[in-house]
């Protein structure tokens, strides 16, 4: 299985009238419940609209984002699925529920991290 990040940009849902947001939330939770039931949901959440803080390698904290950053992540879901096609299918369901386009990226596997997590679960 491979993990995929499915995300949308901050502001992608700004076109939705305030009175329809509860319906969008309900639709999104329905899709997430479907992913949980299918055993592919890993984690997901929306992000508060706020400026990022940048923590440099020396520990210095500055307000972000980086000057070259033009977009912020508004929310995301991580799924663990058998193929990119399956990740795209989940992204399409999320896009429909959230009424905004979704970006899909494959997460890099990290066998050493997976081993650490398995040891921690013992």
Protein backbone atom coordinates (compact mmCIF):
# COMPACT_ATOMS: atom_id res chain seq x y z
CA UNK A 1 0.00 0.00 0.00
CA UNK A 2 1.09 3.55 -0.68
CA UNK A 3 0.15 6.72 1.14
CA UNK A 4 -1.12 9.76 -0.74
CA UNK A 5 -1.70 13.32 0.38
CA UNK A 6 -4.96 14.73 -0.96
CA UNK A 7 -5.13 18.47 -0.33
CA UNK A 8 -6.75 21.72 -1.35
CA UNK A 9 -5.52 25.29 -1.17
CA UNK A 10 -6.67 27.83 1.36
CA UNK A 11 -9.40 29.88 -0.25
CA UNK A 12 -10.53 27.05 -2.54
CA UNK A 13 -13.86 26.95 -0.73
CA UNK A 14 -14.39 30.72 -0.60
CA UNK A 15 -16.97 30.47 -3.39
CA UNK A 16 -19.33 28.50 -1.13
CA UNK A 17 -22.00 30.66 0.55
CA UNK A 18 -21.84 30.61 4.36
CA UNK A 19 -25.27 29.02 4.64
CA UNK A 20 -24.07 26.02 2.59
CA UNK A 21 -20.93 25.32 4.67
CA UNK A 22 -22.77 22.94 7.06
CA UNK A 23 -23.88 20.85 4.05
CA UNK A 24 -20.31 20.77 2.76
CA UNK A 25 -19.08 19.67 6.18
CA UNK A 26 -21.65 16.91 6.32
CA UNK A 27 -20.77 15.71 2.81
CA UNK A 28 -17.04 15.77 3.63
CA UNK A 29 -17.59 13.78 6.83
CA UNK A 30 -19.64 11.23 4.87
CA UNK A 31 -16.73 10.67 2.47
CA UNK A 32 -14.25 10.47 5.33
CA UNK A 33 -16.46 7.89 7.08
CA UNK A 34 -16.50 5.91 3.83
CA UNK A 35 -12.67 6.04 3.75
CA UNK A 36 -12.50 4.96 7.41
CA UNK A 37 -14.89 2.08 6.70
CA UNK A 38 -12.77 1.07 3.69
CA UNK A 39 -9.66 1.03 5.89
CA UNK A 40 -7.76 3.61 3.79
CA UNK A 41 -8.06 6.74 5.97
CA UNK A 42 -4.84 7.64 7.81
CA UNK A 43 -5.39 11.24 8.92
CA UNK A 44 -6.90 14.47 7.75
CA UNK A 45 -7.99 17.91 8.85
CA UNK A 46 -8.63 21.46 7.81
CA UNK A 47 -6.16 24.17 8.70
CA UNK A 48 -6.91 27.47 10.40
CA UNK A 49 -6.44 30.48 8.19
CA UNK A 50 -3.34 32.06 9.57
CA UNK A 51 0.14 33.01 8.65
CA UNK A 52 2.74 30.31 8.97
CA UNK A 53 5.68 30.60 11.30
CA UNK A 54 9.05 29.72 9.82
CA UNK A 55 11.53 28.10 12.20
CA UNK A 56 15.09 28.31 10.84
CA UNK A 57 17.77 25.72 11.46
CA UNK A 58 19.22 28.00 14.17
CA UNK A 59 15.82 28.16 15.91
CA UNK A 60 14.99 31.72 14.82
CA UNK A 61 11.23 32.10 14.35
CA UNK A 62 9.83 34.51 11.78
CA UNK A 63 6.42 35.10 10.32
CA UNK A 64 5.90 33.21 7.10
CA UNK A 65 5.31 32.11 4.59
CA UNK A 66 8.47 32.00 2.55
CA UNK A 67 8.44 34.94 0.12
CA UNK A 68 8.09 32.60 -2.87
CA UNK A 69 5.04 30.85 -1.39
CA UNK A 70 1.89 31.89 -3.21
CA UNK A 71 -0.56 29.34 -1.84
CA UNK A 72 -1.33 27.79 1.52
CA UNK A 73 -2.81 24.39 2.25
CA UNK A 74 -6.41 24.74 3.43
CA UNK A 75 -6.96 21.11 4.37
CA UNK A 76 -5.77 17.61 3.64
CA UNK A 77 -6.42 13.90 3.92
CA UNK A 78 -3.85 11.10 3.88
CA UNK A 79 -5.03 7.78 2.46
CA UNK A 80 -3.20 4.47 2.28
CA UNK A 81 -4.27 2.75 -0.94
CA UNK A 82 -3.08 0.17 -3.44
CA UNK A 83 -2.65 2.49 -6.43
CA UNK A 84 -2.54 6.07 -7.65
CA UNK A 85 -5.81 5.41 -9.46
CA UNK A 86 -7.45 4.56 -6.14
CA UNK A 87 -6.04 7.75 -4.60
CA UNK A 88 -7.48 9.72 -7.52
CA UNK A 89 -10.86 8.07 -6.94
CA UNK A 90 -10.81 9.19 -3.29
CA UNK A 91 -9.71 12.67 -4.36
CA UNK A 92 -12.67 12.87 -6.73
CA UNK A 93 -15.04 11.94 -3.91
CA UNK A 94 -13.48 14.55 -1.64
CA UNK A 95 -13.57 17.18 -4.40
CA UNK A 96 -17.27 16.56 -4.90
CA UNK A 97 -18.02 16.76 -1.19
CA UNK A 98 -15.88 19.84 -0.57
CA UNK A 99 -16.87 21.50 -3.85
CA UNK A 100 -13.26 22.29 -4.74
CA UNK A 101 -10.40 20.74 -6.67
CA UNK A 102 -7.97 18.46 -4.86
CA UNK A 103 -4.26 17.94 -5.40
CA UNK A 104 -2.89 14.39 -5.10
CA UNK A 105 0.73 13.64 -4.18
CA UNK A 106 2.38 10.34 -3.37
CA UNK A 107 4.17 10.33 -0.03
CA UNK A 108 7.67 8.90 0.07
CA UNK A 109 7.93 5.57 1.89
CA UNK A 110 10.18 5.50 4.96
CA UNK A 111 10.82 1.91 6.07
CA UNK A 112 12.92 3.04 9.03
CA UNK A 113 10.09 5.24 10.33
CA UNK A 114 7.59 2.41 9.83
CA UNK A 115 9.87 0.11 11.86
CA UNK A 116 10.06 2.73 14.65
CA UNK A 117 6.28 2.97 14.73
CA UNK A 118 5.85 -0.80 14.85
CA UNK A 119 8.29 -1.01 17.78
CA UNK A 120 6.42 1.79 19.58
CA UNK A 121 3.11 -0.08 19.23
CA UNK A 122 4.40 -3.13 21.11
